[in-house]
Amino acid sequence: MRNLVLKKKKFMTKKKARKSDYVCSKCGVDYLTQEQKDKAQICTFFLGTCGLCNEHAAITHIRNYNYLNKKE
């Protein structure tokens, strides 16, 4: 029974967001490929602090910018 409680507790804890989990479009556009830049993309933005430039702006999750991995 105790293992069940520990597993449930582990599942319910929310993972703390790292500083760079959310970026503004100004910082994130450098990580898009040319094909992605040419194609229309829909993503949700909200007001917050960018993890790269630390400015208060409209930010979105890094998954919308290839997880900040440069692609050729």
PDB file of N, CA and C in Angstrom:
ATOM      1  N   MET A   1       0.821  -1.197   0.000  1.00  0.00           N
ATOM      2  CA  MET A   1       0.000   0.000   0.000  1.00  0.00           C
ATOM      3  C   MET A   1       0.862   1.256   0.000  1.00  0.00           C
ATOM      4  N   ARG A   2       1.969   1.194   0.727  1.00  0.00           N
ATOM      5  CA  ARG A   2       2.832   2.370   0.814  1.00  0.00           C
ATOM      6  C   ARG A   2       3.438   2.715  -0.553  1.00  0.00           C
ATOM      7  N   ASN A   3       3.842   1.706  -1.330  1.00  0.00           N
ATOM      8  CA  ASN A   3       4.382   1.957  -2.660  1.00  0.00           C
ATOM      9  C   ASN A   3       3.357   2.642  -3.558  1.00  0.00           C
ATOM     10  N   LEU A   4       2.121   2.252  -3.432  1.00  0.00           N
ATOM     11  CA  LEU A   4       1.061   2.856  -4.220  1.00  0.00           C
ATOM     12  C   LEU A   4       0.929   4.346  -3.881  1.00  0.00           C
ATOM     13  N   VAL A   5       1.007   4.678  -2.614  1.00  0.00           N
ATOM     14  CA  VAL A   5       0.896   6.072  -2.179  1.00  0.00           C
ATOM     15  C   VAL A   5       2.085   6.872  -2.690  1.00  0.00           C
ATOM     16  N   LEU A   6       3.286   6.311  -2.624  1.00  0.00           N
ATOM     17  CA  LEU A   6       4.469   7.021  -3.105  1.00  0.00           C
ATOM     18  C   LEU A   6       4.396   7.261  -4.605  1.00  0.00           C
ATOM     19  N   LYS A   7       3.957   6.269  -5.355  1.00  0.00           N
ATOM     20  CA  LYS A   7       3.838   6.433  -6.797  1.00  0.00           C
ATOM     21  C   LYS A   7       2.824   7.515  -7.131  1.00  0.00           C
ATOM     22  N   LYS A   8       1.710   7.520  -6.437  1.00  0.00           N
ATOM     23  CA  LYS A   8       0.674   8.499  -6.686  1.00  0.00           C
ATOM     24  C   LYS A   8       1.189   9.909  -6.369  1.00  0.00           C
ATOM     25  N   LYS A   9       1.920  10.031  -5.283  1.00  0.00           N
ATOM     26  CA  LYS A   9       2.458  11.315  -4.869  1.00  0.00           C
ATOM     27  C   LYS A   9       3.473  11.817  -5.897  1.00  0.00           C
ATOM     28  N   LYS A  10       4.306  10.915  -6.414  1.00  0.00           N
ATOM     29  CA  LYS A  10       5.302  11.268  -7.410  1.00  0.00           C
ATOM     30  C   LYS A  10       4.630  11.764  -8.682  1.00  0.00           C
ATOM     31  N   PHE A  11       3.555  11.107  -9.057  1.00  0.00           N
ATOM     32  CA  PHE A  11       2.831  11.461 -10.269  1.00  0.00           C
ATOM     33  C   PHE A  11       2.172  12.835 -10.143  1.00  0.00           C
ATOM     34  N   MET A  12       1.703  13.168  -8.968  1.00  0.00           N
ATOM     35  CA  MET A  12       0.956  14.396  -8.770  1.00  0.00           C
ATOM     36  C   MET A  12       1.846  15.627  -8.627  1.00  0.00           C
ATOM     37  N   THR A  13       3.115  15.462  -8.312  1.00  0.00           N
ATOM     38  CA  THR A  13       3.967  16.630  -8.160  1.00  0.00           C
ATOM     39  C   THR A  13       4.263  17.234  -9.525  1.00  0.00           C
ATOM     40  N   LYS A  14       4.190  18.549  -9.595  1.00  0.00           N
ATOM     41  CA  LYS A  14       4.400  19.233 -10.869  1.00  0.00           C
ATOM     42  C   LYS A  14       5.883  19.536 -11.034  1.00  0.00           C
ATOM     43  N   LYS A  15       6.393  19.267 -12.222  1.00  0.00           N
ATOM     44  CA  LYS A  15       7.792  19.524 -12.505  1.00  0.00           C
ATOM     45  C   LYS A  15       8.008  21.027 -12.629  1.00  0.00           C
ATOM     46  N   LYS A  16       8.999  21.531 -11.943  1.00  0.00           N
ATOM     47  CA  LYS A  16       9.270  22.961 -11.971  1.00  0.00           C
ATOM     48  C   LYS A  16       9.875  23.348 -13.321  1.00  0.00           C
ATOM     49  N   ALA A  17       9.347  24.408 -13.915  1.00  0.00           N
ATOM     50  CA  ALA A  17       9.824  24.855 -15.225  1.00  0.00           C
ATOM     51  C   ALA A  17      11.210  25.468 -15.105  1.00  0.00           C
ATOM     52  N   ARG A  18      12.086  25.077 -16.027  1.00  0.00           N
ATOM     53  CA  ARG A  18      13.412  25.673 -16.060  1.00  0.00           C
ATOM     54  C   ARG A  18      13.312  27.093 -16.581  1.00  0.00           C
ATOM     55  N   LYS A  19      14.382  27.840 -16.427  1.00  0.00           N
ATOM     56  CA  LYS A  19      14.399  29.235 -16.836  1.00  0.00           C
ATOM     57  C   LYS A  19      14.158  29.389 -18.333  1.00  0.00           C
ATOM     58  N   SER A  20      14.648  28.479 -19.134  1.00  0.00           N
ATOM     59  CA  SER A  20      14.542  28.626 -20.585  1.00  0.00           C
ATOM     60  C   SER A  20      13.454  27.751 -21.212  1.00  0.00           C
ATOM     61  N   ASP A  21      12.448  27.352 -20.465  1.00  0.00           N
ATOM     62  CA  ASP A  21      11.353  26.563 -21.026  1.00  0.00           C
ATOM     63  C   ASP A  21      10.419  27.405 -21.887  1.00  0.00           C
ATOM     64  N   TYR A  22      10.434  28.704 -21.714  1.00  0.00           N
ATOM     65  CA  TYR A  22       9.574  29.603 -22.467  1.00  0.00           C
ATOM     66  C   TYR A  22      10.408  30.729 -23.051  1.00  0.00           C
ATOM     67  N   VAL A  23      10.196  31.017 -24.339  1.00  0.00           N
ATOM     68  CA  VAL A  23      10.970  32.049 -25.022  1.00  0.00           C
ATOM     69  C   VAL A  23      10.047  32.956 -25.831  1.00  0.00           C
ATOM     70  N   CYS A  24      10.523  34.171 -26.102  1.00  0.00           N
ATOM     71  CA  CYS A  24       9.779  35.094 -26.954  1.00  0.00           C
ATOM     72  C   CYS A  24      10.086  34.771 -28.414  1.00  0.00           C
ATOM     73  N   SER A  25       9.285  35.296 -29.316  1.00  0.00           N
ATOM     74  CA  SER A  25       9.485  34.988 -30.737  1.00  0.00           C
ATOM     75  C   SER A  25      10.765  35.613 -31.273  1.00  0.00           C
ATOM     76  N   LYS A  26      11.169  36.744 -30.719  1.00  0.00           N
ATOM     77  CA  LYS A  26      12.413  37.388 -31.156  1.00  0.00           C
ATOM     78  C   LYS A  26      13.618  36.475 -30.925  1.00  0.00           C
ATOM     79  N   CYS A  27      13.656  35.783 -29.805  1.00  0.00           N
ATOM     80  CA  CYS A  27      14.767  34.874 -29.501  1.00  0.00           C
ATOM     81  C   CYS A  27      14.588  33.518 -30.191  1.00  0.00           C
ATOM     82  N   GLY A  28      13.364  33.047 -30.319  1.00  0.00           N
ATOM     83  CA  GLY A  28      13.111  31.712 -30.832  1.00  0.00           C
ATOM     84  C   GLY A  28      13.222  31.567 -32.335  1.00  0.00           C
ATOM     85  N   VAL A  29      13.033  32.650 -33.078  1.00  0.00           N
ATOM     86  CA  VAL A  29      13.035  32.558 -34.538  1.00  0.00           C
ATOM     87  C   VAL A  29      14.390  32.105 -35.084  1.00  0.00           C
ATOM     88  N   ASP A  30      15.463  32.323 -34.364  1.00  0.00           N
ATOM     89  CA  ASP A  30      16.794  31.879 -34.798  1.00  0.00           C
ATOM     90  C   ASP A  30      16.920  30.362 -34.852  1.00  0.00           C
ATOM     91  N   TYR A  31      16.052  29.647 -34.147  1.00  0.00           N
ATOM     92  CA  TYR A  31      16.136  28.192 -34.058  1.00  0.00           C
ATOM     93  C   TYR A  31      15.219  27.481 -35.054  1.00  0.00           C
ATOM     94  N   LEU A  32      14.492  28.231 -35.875  1.00  0.00           N
ATOM     95  CA  LEU A  32      13.631  27.627 -36.882  1.00  0.00           C
ATOM     96  C   LEU A  32      14.411  27.372 -38.166  1.00  0.00           C
ATOM     97  N   THR A  33      14.019  26.331 -38.890  1.00  0.00           N
ATOM     98  CA  THR A  33      14.611  26.085 -40.204  1.00  0.00           C
ATOM     99  C   THR A  33      13.951  27.035 -41.205  1.00  0.00           C
ATOM    100  N   GLN A  34      14.547  27.188 -42.369  1.00  0.00           N
ATOM    101  CA  GLN A  34      13.983  28.079 -43.386  1.00  0.00           C
ATOM    102  C   GLN A  34      12.602  27.591 -43.815  1.00  0.00           C
ATOM    103  N   GLU A  35      12.426  26.284 -43.888  1.00  0.00           N
ATOM    104  CA  GLU A  35      11.127  25.717 -44.246  1.00  0.00           C
ATOM    105  C   GLU A  35      10.065  26.091 -43.215  1.00  0.00           C
ATOM    106  N   GLN A  36      10.420  26.042 -41.945  1.00  0.00           N
ATOM    107  CA  GLN A  36       9.476  26.400 -40.883  1.00  0.00           C
ATOM    108  C   GLN A  36       9.169  27.899 -40.893  1.00  0.00           C
ATOM    109  N   LYS A  37      10.148  28.722 -41.254  1.00  0.00           N
ATOM    110  CA  LYS A  37       9.930  30.168 -41.319  1.00  0.00           C
ATOM    111  C   LYS A  37       8.960  30.520 -42.446  1.00  0.00           C
ATOM    112  N   ASP A  38       9.037  29.792 -43.561  1.00  0.00           N
ATOM    113  CA  ASP A  38       8.178  30.055 -44.708  1.00  0.00           C
ATOM    114  C   ASP A  38       6.744  29.551 -44.508  1.00  0.00           C
ATOM    115  N   LYS A  39       6.579  28.562 -43.663  1.00  0.00           N
ATOM    116  CA  LYS A  39       5.291  27.926 -43.430  1.00  0.00           C
ATOM    117  C   LYS A  39       4.545  28.648 -42.291  1.00  0.00           C
ATOM    118  N   ALA A  40       3.240  28.785 -42.405  1.00  0.00           N
ATOM    119  CA  ALA A  40       2.436  29.387 -41.335  1.00  0.00           C
ATOM    120  C   ALA A  40       2.412  28.444 -40.133  1.00  0.00           C
ATOM    121  N   GLN A  41       2.611  29.004 -38.947  1.00  0.00           N
ATOM    122  CA  GLN A  41       2.651  28.195 -37.728  1.00  0.00           C
ATOM    123  C   GLN A  41       1.704  28.801 -36.701  1.00  0.00           C
ATOM    124  N   ILE A  42       0.946  27.960 -36.035  1.00  0.00           N
ATOM    125  CA  ILE A  42       0.032  28.422 -35.000  1.00  0.00           C
ATOM    126  C   ILE A  42       0.536  27.921 -33.656  1.00  0.00           C
ATOM    127  N   CYS A  43       0.717  28.842 -32.722  1.00  0.00           N
ATOM    128  CA  CYS A  43       1.087  28.462 -31.359  1.00  0.00           C
ATOM    129  C   CYS A  43       0.526  29.497 -30.386  1.00  0.00           C
ATOM    130  N   THR A  44       0.389  29.120 -29.153  1.00  0.00           N
ATOM    131  CA  THR A  44      -0.191  29.972 -28.136  1.00  0.00           C
ATOM    132  C   THR A  44       0.891  30.745 -27.406  1.00  0.00           C
ATOM    133  N   PHE A  45       0.703  32.048 -27.285  1.00  0.00           N
ATOM    134  CA  PHE A  45       1.616  32.913 -26.550  1.00  0.00           C
ATOM    135  C   PHE A  45       0.908  33.467 -25.325  1.00  0.00           C
ATOM    136  N   PHE A  46       1.661  33.794 -24.298  1.00  0.00           N
ATOM    137  CA  PHE A  46       1.130  34.472 -23.125  1.00  0.00           C
ATOM    138  C   PHE A  46       2.208  35.408 -22.594  1.00  0.00           C
ATOM    139  N   LEU A  47       1.827  36.346 -21.755  1.00  0.00           N
ATOM    140  CA  LEU A  47       2.787  37.310 -21.225  1.00  0.00           C
ATOM    141  C   LEU A  47       3.608  36.686 -20.108  1.00  0.00           C
ATOM    142  N   GLY A  48       4.905  36.904 -20.182  1.00  0.00           N
ATOM    143  CA  GLY A  48       5.812  36.364 -19.180  1.00  0.00           C
ATOM    144  C   GLY A  48       7.225  36.824 -19.467  1.00  0.00           C
ATOM    145  N   THR A  49       8.189  36.222 -18.785  1.00  0.00           N
ATOM    146  CA  THR A  49       9.593  36.582 -18.948  1.00  0.00           C
ATOM    147  C   THR A  49      10.302  35.549 -19.805  1.00  0.00           C
ATOM    148  N   CYS A  50      10.965  36.016 -20.847  1.00  0.00           N
ATOM    149  CA  CYS A  50      11.694  35.135 -21.754  1.00  0.00           C
ATOM    150  C   CYS A  50      12.873  34.510 -21.017  1.00  0.00           C
ATOM    151  N   GLY A  51      13.102  33.222 -21.253  1.00  0.00           N
ATOM    152  CA  GLY A  51      14.185  32.510 -20.603  1.00  0.00           C
ATOM    153  C   GLY A  51      15.555  32.832 -21.165  1.00  0.00           C
ATOM    154  N   LEU A  52      15.617  33.451 -22.344  1.00  0.00           N
ATOM    155  CA  LEU A  52      16.906  33.769 -22.952  1.00  0.00           C
ATOM    156  C   LEU A  52      17.303  35.230 -22.750  1.00  0.00           C
ATOM    157  N   CYS A  53      16.391  36.159 -23.055  1.00  0.00           N
ATOM    158  CA  CYS A  53      16.752  37.581 -22.962  1.00  0.00           C
ATOM    159  C   CYS A  53      16.251  38.235 -21.677  1.00  0.00           C
ATOM    160  N   ASN A  54      15.470  37.513 -20.879  1.00  0.00           N
ATOM    161  CA  ASN A  54      14.927  37.990 -19.599  1.00  0.00           C
ATOM    162  C   ASN A  54      14.070  39.245 -19.730  1.00  0.00           C
ATOM    163  N   GLU A  55      13.457  39.463 -20.890  1.00  0.00           N
ATOM    164  CA  GLU A  55      12.546  40.584 -21.086  1.00  0.00           C
ATOM    165  C   GLU A  55      11.114  40.122 -20.893  1.00  0.00           C
ATOM    166  N   HIS A  56      10.260  41.033 -20.417  1.00  0.00           N
ATOM    167  CA  HIS A  56       8.839  40.739 -20.261  1.00  0.00           C
ATOM    168  C   HIS A  56       8.184  40.907 -21.622  1.00  0.00           C
ATOM    169  N   ALA A  57       7.665  39.812 -22.186  1.00  0.00           N
ATOM    170  CA  ALA A  57       7.106  39.835 -23.534  1.00  0.00           C
ATOM    171  C   ALA A  57       6.128  38.677 -23.694  1.00  0.00           C
ATOM    172  N   ALA A  58       5.567  38.553 -24.887  1.00  0.00           N
ATOM    173  CA  ALA A  58       4.733  37.408 -25.222  1.00  0.00           C
ATOM    174  C   ALA A  58       5.657  36.216 -25.437  1.00  0.00           C
ATOM    175  N   ILE A  59       5.435  35.133 -24.687  1.00  0.00           N
ATOM    176  CA  ILE A  59       6.318  33.968 -24.740  1.00  0.00           C
ATOM    177  C   ILE A  59       5.521  32.705 -25.054  1.00  0.00           C
ATOM    178  N   THR A  60       6.229  31.695 -25.535  1.00  0.00           N
ATOM    179  CA  THR A  60       5.640  30.393 -25.824  1.00  0.00           C
ATOM    180  C   THR A  60       6.649  29.309 -25.454  1.00  0.00           C
ATOM    181  N   HIS A  61       6.210  28.069 -25.439  1.00  0.00           N
ATOM    182  CA  HIS A  61       7.071  26.954 -25.044  1.00  0.00           C
ATOM    183  C   HIS A  61       8.158  26.721 -26.089  1.00  0.00           C
ATOM    184  N   ILE A  62       9.303  26.226 -25.651  1.00  0.00           N
ATOM    185  CA  ILE A  62      10.437  26.012 -26.552  1.00  0.00           C
ATOM    186  C   ILE A  62      10.173  24.936 -27.598  1.00  0.00           C
ATOM    187  N   ARG A  63       9.152  24.105 -27.404  1.00  0.00           N
ATOM    188  CA  ARG A  63       8.836  23.069 -28.407  1.00  0.00           C
ATOM    189  C   ARG A  63       8.443  23.707 -29.735  1.00  0.00           C
ATOM    190  N   ASN A  64       7.926  24.928 -29.696  1.00  0.00           N
ATOM    191  CA  ASN A  64       7.551  25.624 -30.935  1.00  0.00           C
ATOM    192  C   ASN A  64       8.769  26.147 -31.690  1.00  0.00           C
ATOM    193  N   TYR A  65       9.919  26.105 -31.073  1.00  0.00           N
ATOM    194  CA  TYR A  65      11.167  26.547 -31.693  1.00  0.00           C
ATOM    195  C   TYR A  65      12.236  25.450 -31.648  1.00  0.00           C
ATOM    196  N   ASN A  66      11.829  24.225 -31.991  1.00  0.00           N
ATOM    197  CA  ASN A  66      12.730  23.067 -32.082  1.00  0.00           C
ATOM    198  C   ASN A  66      13.546  22.825 -30.813  1.00  0.00           C
ATOM    199  N   TYR A  67      12.946  23.097 -29.672  1.00  0.00           N
ATOM    200  CA  TYR A  67      13.598  22.907 -28.371  1.00  0.00           C
ATOM    201  C   TYR A  67      14.951  23.621 -28.306  1.00  0.00           C
ATOM    202  N   LEU A  68      15.048  24.757 -29.002  1.00  0.00           N
ATOM    203  CA  LEU A  68      16.237  25.606 -29.042  1.00  0.00           C
ATOM    204  C   LEU A  68      17.467  24.869 -29.561  1.00  0.00           C
ATOM    205  N   ASN A  69      17.236  23.947 -30.491  1.00  0.00           N
ATOM    206  CA  ASN A  69      18.339  23.256 -31.173  1.00  0.00           C
ATOM    207  C   ASN A  69      18.485  23.852 -32.558  1.00  0.00           C
ATOM    208  N   LYS A  70      19.672  24.291 -32.887  1.00  0.00           N
ATOM    209  CA  LYS A  70      19.926  24.860 -34.224  1.00  0.00           C
ATOM    210  C   LYS A  70      19.842  23.752 -35.256  1.00  0.00           C
ATOM    211  N   LYS A  71      19.134  24.023 -36.341  1.00  0.00           N
ATOM    212  CA  LYS A  71      19.033  23.052 -37.432  1.00  0.00           C
ATOM    213  C   LYS A  71      19.455  23.748 -38.711  1.00  0.00           C
ATOM    214  N   GLU A  72      20.200  23.047 -39.517  1.00  0.00           N
ATOM    215  CA  GLU A  72      20.705  23.614 -40.781  1.00  0.00           C
ATOM    216  C   GLU A  72      19.684  23.478 -41.874  1.00  0.00           C
TER     217      GLU A  72
END
